[in-house]
Amino acid sequence: MRSVFYMLDAAPYGSEKAYGLLNAAAVSIKMNVIVGLYADGVYLALAGQDSRALGVPNLSDIIYAYPEMRVIAHEPSLAKRGLFSQSLIERVELVDDEKFIEEAVASDSVIAL
């Protein structure tokens, strides 16, 4: 089985990066897919997102729609942004620096957006 690690380091709203990455991950679910949230990408891990005022889809809904995708968030990125007191999507697994890199290196392909 092939595997792919998609890394998002941009905020989920305000650009097409997160939307495009999640859709690419969704069409790759026949493989072992990991979505890695890093830097501002960790904002996607926040629960209770309401994107109606922005006129764009709620990106966390895509995560829930594809349980085959494994979603990990870089814990130091969350800490740097003061997001530990926030509720996170229950499907997101928090990982440290070492585990984040280990998951990326273990994948057959790494795609960073």
Protein backbone atom coordinates (compact mmCIF):
# COMPACT_ATOMS: atom_id res chain seq x y z
CA MET A 1 0.00 0.00 0.00
CA ARG A 2 1.22 3.48 -0.83
CA SER A 3 1.01 6.34 1.59
CA VAL A 4 0.92 10.11 1.33
CA PHE A 5 1.45 12.84 3.92
CA TYR A 6 -0.27 16.15 3.15
CA MET A 7 1.13 19.02 5.22
CA LEU A 8 -0.88 22.19 5.72
CA ASP A 9 0.99 25.15 7.19
CA ALA A 10 -1.45 27.92 6.19
CA ALA A 11 -4.60 29.11 7.93
CA PRO A 12 -7.70 27.21 6.80
CA TYR A 13 -9.59 30.24 5.55
CA GLY A 14 -8.40 33.14 3.43
CA SER A 15 -6.81 31.03 0.71
CA GLU A 16 -7.56 27.88 -1.27
CA LYS A 17 -4.68 25.91 0.26
CA ALA A 18 -6.60 24.08 2.99
CA TYR A 19 -9.62 23.40 0.80
CA GLY A 20 -7.44 22.07 -2.01
CA LEU A 21 -5.33 19.97 0.33
CA LEU A 22 -8.36 18.37 1.98
CA ASN A 23 -9.94 17.59 -1.37
CA ALA A 24 -6.69 16.07 -2.65
CA ALA A 25 -6.48 13.97 0.51
CA ALA A 26 -10.10 12.88 0.07
CA VAL A 27 -9.47 11.56 -3.44
CA SER A 28 -6.38 9.73 -2.17
CA ILE A 29 -8.17 7.69 0.50
CA LYS A 30 -7.43 4.41 -1.27
CA MET A 31 -3.93 5.01 0.05
CA ASN A 32 -2.82 5.53 3.62
CA VAL A 33 -3.48 9.29 3.96
CA ILE A 34 -2.23 11.52 6.75
CA VAL A 35 -3.09 15.22 6.93
CA GLY A 36 -0.47 17.01 9.04
CA LEU A 37 -1.44 20.38 10.47
CA TYR A 38 1.57 22.60 11.15
CA ALA A 39 2.08 26.30 11.99
CA ASP A 40 -1.12 28.24 11.08
CA GLY A 41 -2.58 25.03 9.65
CA VAL A 42 -3.40 23.94 13.22
CA TYR A 43 -6.32 26.39 13.20
CA LEU A 44 -8.14 23.76 11.15
CA ALA A 45 -8.13 21.54 14.27
CA LEU A 46 -10.41 23.92 16.18
CA ALA A 47 -13.90 22.59 16.87
CA GLY A 48 -17.03 24.65 16.26
CA GLN A 49 -15.86 26.46 13.14
CA ASP A 50 -18.52 28.60 11.50
CA SER A 51 -17.51 29.75 8.04
CA ARG A 52 -20.93 30.97 6.88
CA ALA A 53 -19.98 34.65 7.16
CA LEU A 54 -17.04 33.97 4.86
CA GLY A 55 -19.26 32.28 2.30
CA VAL A 56 -17.07 29.18 2.13
CA PRO A 57 -17.59 25.56 3.16
CA ASN A 58 -16.80 24.51 6.70
CA LEU A 59 -13.53 22.66 6.22
CA SER A 60 -13.86 20.59 9.37
CA ASP A 61 -16.88 18.94 7.72
CA ILE A 62 -14.51 17.47 5.13
CA ILE A 63 -12.46 15.90 7.93
CA TYR A 64 -15.59 14.31 9.38
CA ALA A 65 -16.77 13.12 5.95
CA TYR A 66 -13.63 11.05 5.37
CA PRO A 67 -12.80 9.01 8.47
CA GLU A 68 -10.19 7.17 6.38
CA MET A 69 -7.99 10.28 6.58
CA ARG A 70 -5.79 10.41 9.64
CA VAL A 71 -5.36 13.99 10.88
CA ILE A 72 -2.46 14.97 13.12
CA ALA A 73 -1.69 18.38 14.58
CA HIS A 74 1.75 19.63 15.57
CA GLU A 75 1.39 20.23 19.32
CA PRO A 76 4.14 22.91 19.55
CA SER A 77 2.33 24.90 16.82
CA LEU A 78 -0.87 24.80 18.89
CA ALA A 79 1.04 25.92 22.00
CA LYS A 80 2.76 28.79 20.16
CA ARG A 81 -0.67 30.10 19.09
CA GLY A 82 -2.23 29.70 22.55
CA LEU A 83 -4.80 27.17 21.30
CA PHE A 84 -4.54 24.57 24.08
CA SER A 85 -7.49 26.08 25.91
CA GLN A 86 -9.62 25.75 22.76
CA SER A 87 -11.76 22.72 21.96
CA LEU A 88 -10.31 20.62 19.18
CA ILE A 89 -12.00 18.33 16.67
CA GLU A 90 -12.04 14.89 18.24
CA ARG A 91 -10.60 13.27 15.10
CA VAL A 92 -7.35 15.24 15.42
CA GLU A 93 -4.39 13.54 17.08
CA LEU A 94 -1.82 15.78 18.78
CA VAL A 95 1.82 14.90 18.12
CA ASP A 96 5.18 16.33 19.13
CA ASP A 97 8.03 17.39 16.80
CA GLU A 98 9.55 13.93 16.65
CA LYS A 99 6.31 12.09 15.84
CA PHE A 100 5.28 14.70 13.23
CA ILE A 101 8.58 14.29 11.37
CA GLU A 102 8.48 10.51 11.79
CA GLU A 103 5.04 10.34 10.15
CA ALA A 104 6.16 12.48 7.22
CA VAL A 105 9.40 10.54 6.66
CA ALA A 106 7.58 7.18 6.86
CA SER A 107 5.21 8.18 4.04
CA ASP A 108 5.95 7.35 0.41
CA SER A 109 5.11 10.92 -0.64
CA VAL A 110 4.99 14.27 1.15
CA ILE A 111 2.94 17.10 -0.30
CA ALA A 112 3.24 20.46 1.44
CA LEU A 113 0.88 23.34 0.80
